[in-house]
Amino acid sequence: MSLFDGTKGNSYEIKGLYVEEGITRRLQALGLNDGTVITVLNRKKNGALIIRVRGTRLAVGKHISQGIEVKEVLA
């Protein structure tokens, strides 16, 4: 499933990044690597997501969140 399909309040483990190479490098520099656990904090009307990655809040647009493959982490 893609991160865009994620539900507010749930945590997910990143399985792969499938966006342009430049965006992929930037996301990896921000800590979004395979195996990283992220939490969806909020969803905006325009499709953007607010996520928590290693204690930092990030806003990710619809196009990018659709290119991040994740697996739900069960508590």
C-alpha atoms as a PDB file:
ATOM      1  CA  MET A   1       0.000   0.000   0.000  1.00  0.00           C
ATOM      2  CA  SER A   2       1.122   3.585  -0.467  1.00  0.00           C
ATOM      3  CA  LEU A   3       1.568   6.077   2.351  1.00  0.00           C
ATOM      4  CA  PHE A   4      -1.225   8.150   0.777  1.00  0.00           C
ATOM      5  CA  ASP A   5      -3.656   5.325   1.692  1.00  0.00           C
ATOM      6  CA  GLY A   6      -2.545   5.462   5.343  1.00  0.00           C
ATOM      7  CA  THR A   7      -4.908   6.357   8.173  1.00  0.00           C
ATOM      8  CA  LYS A   8      -4.416   9.236  10.602  1.00  0.00           C
ATOM      9  CA  GLY A   9      -2.882   8.031  13.873  1.00  0.00           C
ATOM     10  CA  ASN A  10      -1.463   4.769  12.491  1.00  0.00           C
ATOM     11  CA  SER A  11       2.219   3.835  12.173  1.00  0.00           C
ATOM     12  CA  TYR A  12       3.809   2.366   9.054  1.00  0.00           C
ATOM     13  CA  GLU A  13       7.155   0.877   8.070  1.00  0.00           C
ATOM     14  CA  ILE A  14       8.668   2.085   4.803  1.00  0.00           C
ATOM     15  CA  LYS A  15       9.170  -0.697   2.255  1.00  0.00           C
ATOM     16  CA  GLY A  16      10.348   1.371  -0.719  1.00  0.00           C
ATOM     17  CA  LEU A  17      10.548   4.810  -2.306  1.00  0.00           C
ATOM     18  CA  TYR A  18       9.236   5.017  -5.881  1.00  0.00           C
ATOM     19  CA  VAL A  19       9.538   8.687  -6.820  1.00  0.00           C
ATOM     20  CA  GLU A  20      12.027  10.675  -8.918  1.00  0.00           C
ATOM     21  CA  GLU A  21      15.687  10.115  -8.055  1.00  0.00           C
ATOM     22  CA  GLY A  22      16.225  13.634  -6.692  1.00  0.00           C
ATOM     23  CA  ILE A  23      13.189  13.368  -4.419  1.00  0.00           C
ATOM     24  CA  THR A  24      14.271   9.912  -3.279  1.00  0.00           C
ATOM     25  CA  ARG A  25      17.703  11.242  -2.252  1.00  0.00           C
ATOM     26  CA  ARG A  26      16.109  14.148  -0.363  1.00  0.00           C
ATOM     27  CA  LEU A  27      13.692  11.840   1.481  1.00  0.00           C
ATOM     28  CA  GLN A  28      16.555   9.529   2.429  1.00  0.00           C
ATOM     29  CA  ALA A  29      18.532  12.496   3.738  1.00  0.00           C
ATOM     30  CA  LEU A  30      15.523  13.370   5.919  1.00  0.00           C
ATOM     31  CA  GLY A  31      15.511   9.840   7.364  1.00  0.00           C
ATOM     32  CA  LEU A  32      12.880   8.136   5.202  1.00  0.00           C
ATOM     33  CA  ASN A  33      14.756   4.903   4.453  1.00  0.00           C
ATOM     34  CA  ASP A  34      13.582   1.317   4.066  1.00  0.00           C
ATOM     35  CA  GLY A  35      12.587  -0.029   7.475  1.00  0.00           C
ATOM     36  CA  THR A  36      11.965   3.396   9.045  1.00  0.00           C
ATOM     37  CA  VAL A  37       8.744   3.635  11.077  1.00  0.00           C
ATOM     38  CA  ILE A  38       6.609   6.725  10.432  1.00  0.00           C
ATOM     39  CA  THR A  39       3.314   7.914  11.927  1.00  0.00           C
ATOM     40  CA  VAL A  40       0.573   9.771  10.046  1.00  0.00           C
ATOM     41  CA  LEU A  41      -0.320  12.760  12.225  1.00  0.00           C
ATOM     42  CA  ASN A  42      -2.816  14.554   9.987  1.00  0.00           C
ATOM     43  CA  ARG A  43      -4.359  14.619   6.506  1.00  0.00           C
ATOM     44  CA  LYS A  44      -4.991  17.880   4.669  1.00  0.00           C
ATOM     45  CA  LYS A  45      -7.859  18.470   2.224  1.00  0.00           C
ATOM     46  CA  ASN A  46      -5.485  18.896  -0.724  1.00  0.00           C
ATOM     47  CA  GLY A  47      -4.034  15.391  -0.180  1.00  0.00           C
ATOM     48  CA  ALA A  48      -0.939  16.392   1.795  1.00  0.00           C
ATOM     49  CA  LEU A  49       0.051  14.374   4.847  1.00  0.00           C
ATOM     50  CA  ILE A  50       1.745  15.482   8.053  1.00  0.00           C
ATOM     51  CA  ILE A  51       3.982  12.641   9.254  1.00  0.00           C
ATOM     52  CA  ARG A  52       6.366  12.031  12.149  1.00  0.00           C
ATOM     53  CA  VAL A  53       9.749  10.586  11.245  1.00  0.00           C
ATOM     54  CA  ARG A  54      12.282   9.989  14.027  1.00  0.00           C
ATOM     55  CA  GLY A  55      10.801  12.744  16.181  1.00  0.00           C
ATOM     56  CA  THR A  56      10.487  15.307  13.370  1.00  0.00           C
ATOM     57  CA  ARG A  57       7.240  16.419  11.717  1.00  0.00           C
ATOM     58  CA  LEU A  58       7.238  16.592   7.922  1.00  0.00           C
ATOM     59  CA  ALA A  59       4.636  17.621   5.362  1.00  0.00           C
ATOM     60  CA  VAL A  60       4.529  15.362   2.307  1.00  0.00           C
ATOM     61  CA  GLY A  61       2.485  16.145  -0.788  1.00  0.00           C
ATOM     62  CA  LYS A  62       0.079  13.755  -2.502  1.00  0.00           C
ATOM     63  CA  HIS A  63       2.439  12.947  -5.383  1.00  0.00           C
ATOM     64  CA  ILE A  64       5.276  11.979  -3.035  1.00  0.00           C
ATOM     65  CA  SER A  65       3.103  10.058  -0.550  1.00  0.00           C
ATOM     66  CA  GLN A  66       1.713   7.950  -3.410  1.00  0.00           C
ATOM     67  CA  GLY A  67       5.294   6.926  -4.261  1.00  0.00           C
ATOM     68  CA  ILE A  68       6.170   5.700  -0.756  1.00  0.00           C
ATOM     69  CA  GLU A  69       5.319   2.029  -0.253  1.00  0.00           C
ATOM     70  CA  VAL A  70       4.571   1.113   3.363  1.00  0.00           C
ATOM     71  CA  LYS A  71       3.390  -1.743   5.565  1.00  0.00           C
ATOM     72  CA  GLU A  72       1.253  -1.127   8.646  1.00  0.00           C
ATOM     73  CA  VAL A  73       2.984  -1.698  11.976  1.00  0.00           C
ATOM     74  CA  LEU A  74       0.759  -3.452  14.484  1.00  0.00           C
ATOM     75  CA  ALA A  75       1.066  -2.264  18.066  1.00  0.00           C
END
